[in-house]
Amino acid sequence: MLNFAVTKLGIGDTREIIVIGDTASDIQAGLAFGAKQVIGVLTGAHTREVLEFAGATSVINSVADLPSLI
């Protein structure tokens, strides 16, 4: 999915991508992809602790909080 999005948007450098997800696997995918930031969101499946343990660079309560990080 990340490769598809980058290709469709014409983004050449994955280090300019921000990945947002609510599961540990979302976080792991963003890290493996080389994203600049990998943000966990608490409105989904996992807790702050799980998302942080997975490697999230930040954890926010909701996507409404996203502007404070970018």
C-alpha atoms as a PDB file:
ATOM      1  CA  MET A   1       0.000   0.000   0.000  1.00  0.00           C
ATOM      2  CA  LEU A   2       2.811   2.438   0.844  1.00  0.00           C
ATOM      3  CA  ASN A   3       4.660   1.661  -2.394  1.00  0.00           C
ATOM      4  CA  PHE A   4       1.445   2.169  -4.363  1.00  0.00           C
ATOM      5  CA  ALA A   5       0.765   5.554  -2.712  1.00  0.00           C
ATOM      6  CA  VAL A   6       4.313   6.799  -3.295  1.00  0.00           C
ATOM      7  CA  THR A   7       4.201   5.742  -6.931  1.00  0.00           C
ATOM      8  CA  LYS A   8       0.773   7.282  -7.549  1.00  0.00           C
ATOM      9  CA  LEU A   9       1.804  10.565  -5.921  1.00  0.00           C
ATOM     10  CA  GLY A  10       5.171  10.695  -7.677  1.00  0.00           C
ATOM     11  CA  ILE A  11       7.163  10.886  -4.444  1.00  0.00           C
ATOM     12  CA  GLY A  12      10.770   9.934  -5.021  1.00  0.00           C
ATOM     13  CA  ASP A  13      12.144   9.904  -1.490  1.00  0.00           C
ATOM     14  CA  THR A  14      10.421   7.767   1.149  1.00  0.00           C
ATOM     15  CA  ARG A  15      12.189   9.765   3.859  1.00  0.00           C
ATOM     16  CA  GLU A  16       9.719  12.563   3.098  1.00  0.00           C
ATOM     17  CA  ILE A  17       6.731  10.366   3.980  1.00  0.00           C
ATOM     18  CA  ILE A  18       4.773  10.430   7.226  1.00  0.00           C
ATOM     19  CA  VAL A  19       2.959   7.185   8.051  1.00  0.00           C
ATOM     20  CA  ILE A  20       0.041   7.180  10.474  1.00  0.00           C
ATOM     21  CA  GLY A  21      -1.468   4.009  11.863  1.00  0.00           C
ATOM     22  CA  ASP A  22      -3.345   2.494  14.760  1.00  0.00           C
ATOM     23  CA  THR A  23      -1.671  -0.918  14.932  1.00  0.00           C
ATOM     24  CA  ALA A  24       1.807  -2.196  15.668  1.00  0.00           C
ATOM     25  CA  SER A  25       1.970  -3.620  12.142  1.00  0.00           C
ATOM     26  CA  ASP A  26       1.199  -0.166  10.690  1.00  0.00           C
ATOM     27  CA  ILE A  27       4.097   1.250  12.691  1.00  0.00           C
ATOM     28  CA  GLN A  28       6.442  -1.551  11.641  1.00  0.00           C
ATOM     29  CA  ALA A  29       5.477  -1.088   7.983  1.00  0.00           C
ATOM     30  CA  GLY A  30       6.204   2.640   8.162  1.00  0.00           C
ATOM     31  CA  LEU A  31       9.581   2.037   9.764  1.00  0.00           C
ATOM     32  CA  ALA A  32      10.501  -0.632   7.204  1.00  0.00           C
ATOM     33  CA  PHE A  33       9.455   1.759   4.445  1.00  0.00           C
ATOM     34  CA  GLY A  34      11.884   4.366   5.743  1.00  0.00           C
ATOM     35  CA  ALA A  35       9.282   7.006   6.576  1.00  0.00           C
ATOM     36  CA  LYS A  36      10.412  10.296   8.097  1.00  0.00           C
ATOM     37  CA  GLN A  37       7.852   9.963  10.892  1.00  0.00           C
ATOM     38  CA  VAL A  38       5.728   7.015  11.939  1.00  0.00           C
ATOM     39  CA  ILE A  39       2.866   8.193  14.093  1.00  0.00           C
ATOM     40  CA  GLY A  40       0.615   5.982  16.182  1.00  0.00           C
ATOM     41  CA  VAL A  41      -3.021   6.955  16.712  1.00  0.00           C
ATOM     42  CA  LEU A  42      -4.905   5.872  19.828  1.00  0.00           C
ATOM     43  CA  THR A  43      -8.372   5.831  18.247  1.00  0.00           C
ATOM     44  CA  GLY A  44      -7.785   2.336  16.914  1.00  0.00           C
ATOM     45  CA  ALA A  45      -6.692  -1.078  17.959  1.00  0.00           C
ATOM     46  CA  HIS A  46      -3.633  -0.605  20.182  1.00  0.00           C
ATOM     47  CA  THR A  47      -2.518   1.228  23.288  1.00  0.00           C
ATOM     48  CA  ARG A  48       0.171   3.899  23.565  1.00  0.00           C
ATOM     49  CA  GLU A  49       2.551   1.342  25.064  1.00  0.00           C
ATOM     50  CA  VAL A  50       2.082  -1.093  22.176  1.00  0.00           C
ATOM     51  CA  LEU A  51       2.568   1.620  19.552  1.00  0.00           C
ATOM     52  CA  GLU A  52       5.658   2.995  21.292  1.00  0.00           C
ATOM     53  CA  PHE A  53       7.123  -0.495  21.675  1.00  0.00           C
ATOM     54  CA  ALA A  54       6.551  -1.049  17.941  1.00  0.00           C
ATOM     55  CA  GLY A  55       8.719   2.033  17.295  1.00  0.00           C
ATOM     56  CA  ALA A  56       6.292   4.906  16.741  1.00  0.00           C
ATOM     57  CA  THR A  57       8.147   8.206  16.601  1.00  0.00           C
ATOM     58  CA  SER A  58       5.081   9.881  18.158  1.00  0.00           C
ATOM     59  CA  VAL A  59       1.704   8.805  19.484  1.00  0.00           C
ATOM     60  CA  ILE A  60      -1.371  11.039  19.285  1.00  0.00           C
ATOM     61  CA  ASN A  61      -4.900  10.673  20.617  1.00  0.00           C
ATOM     62  CA  SER A  62      -6.602  11.264  17.271  1.00  0.00           C
ATOM     63  CA  VAL A  63      -5.822  12.357  13.720  1.00  0.00           C
ATOM     64  CA  ALA A  64      -7.219  15.747  14.740  1.00  0.00           C
ATOM     65  CA  ASP A  65      -3.956  16.154  16.697  1.00  0.00           C
ATOM     66  CA  LEU A  66      -1.816  15.608  13.591  1.00  0.00           C
ATOM     67  CA  PRO A  67      -1.256  19.312  12.740  1.00  0.00           C
ATOM     68  CA  SER A  68       0.628  19.745  16.026  1.00  0.00           C
ATOM     69  CA  LEU A  69       3.305  17.337  14.743  1.00  0.00           C
ATOM     70  CA  ILE A  70       3.888  18.632  11.224  1.00  0.00           C
END
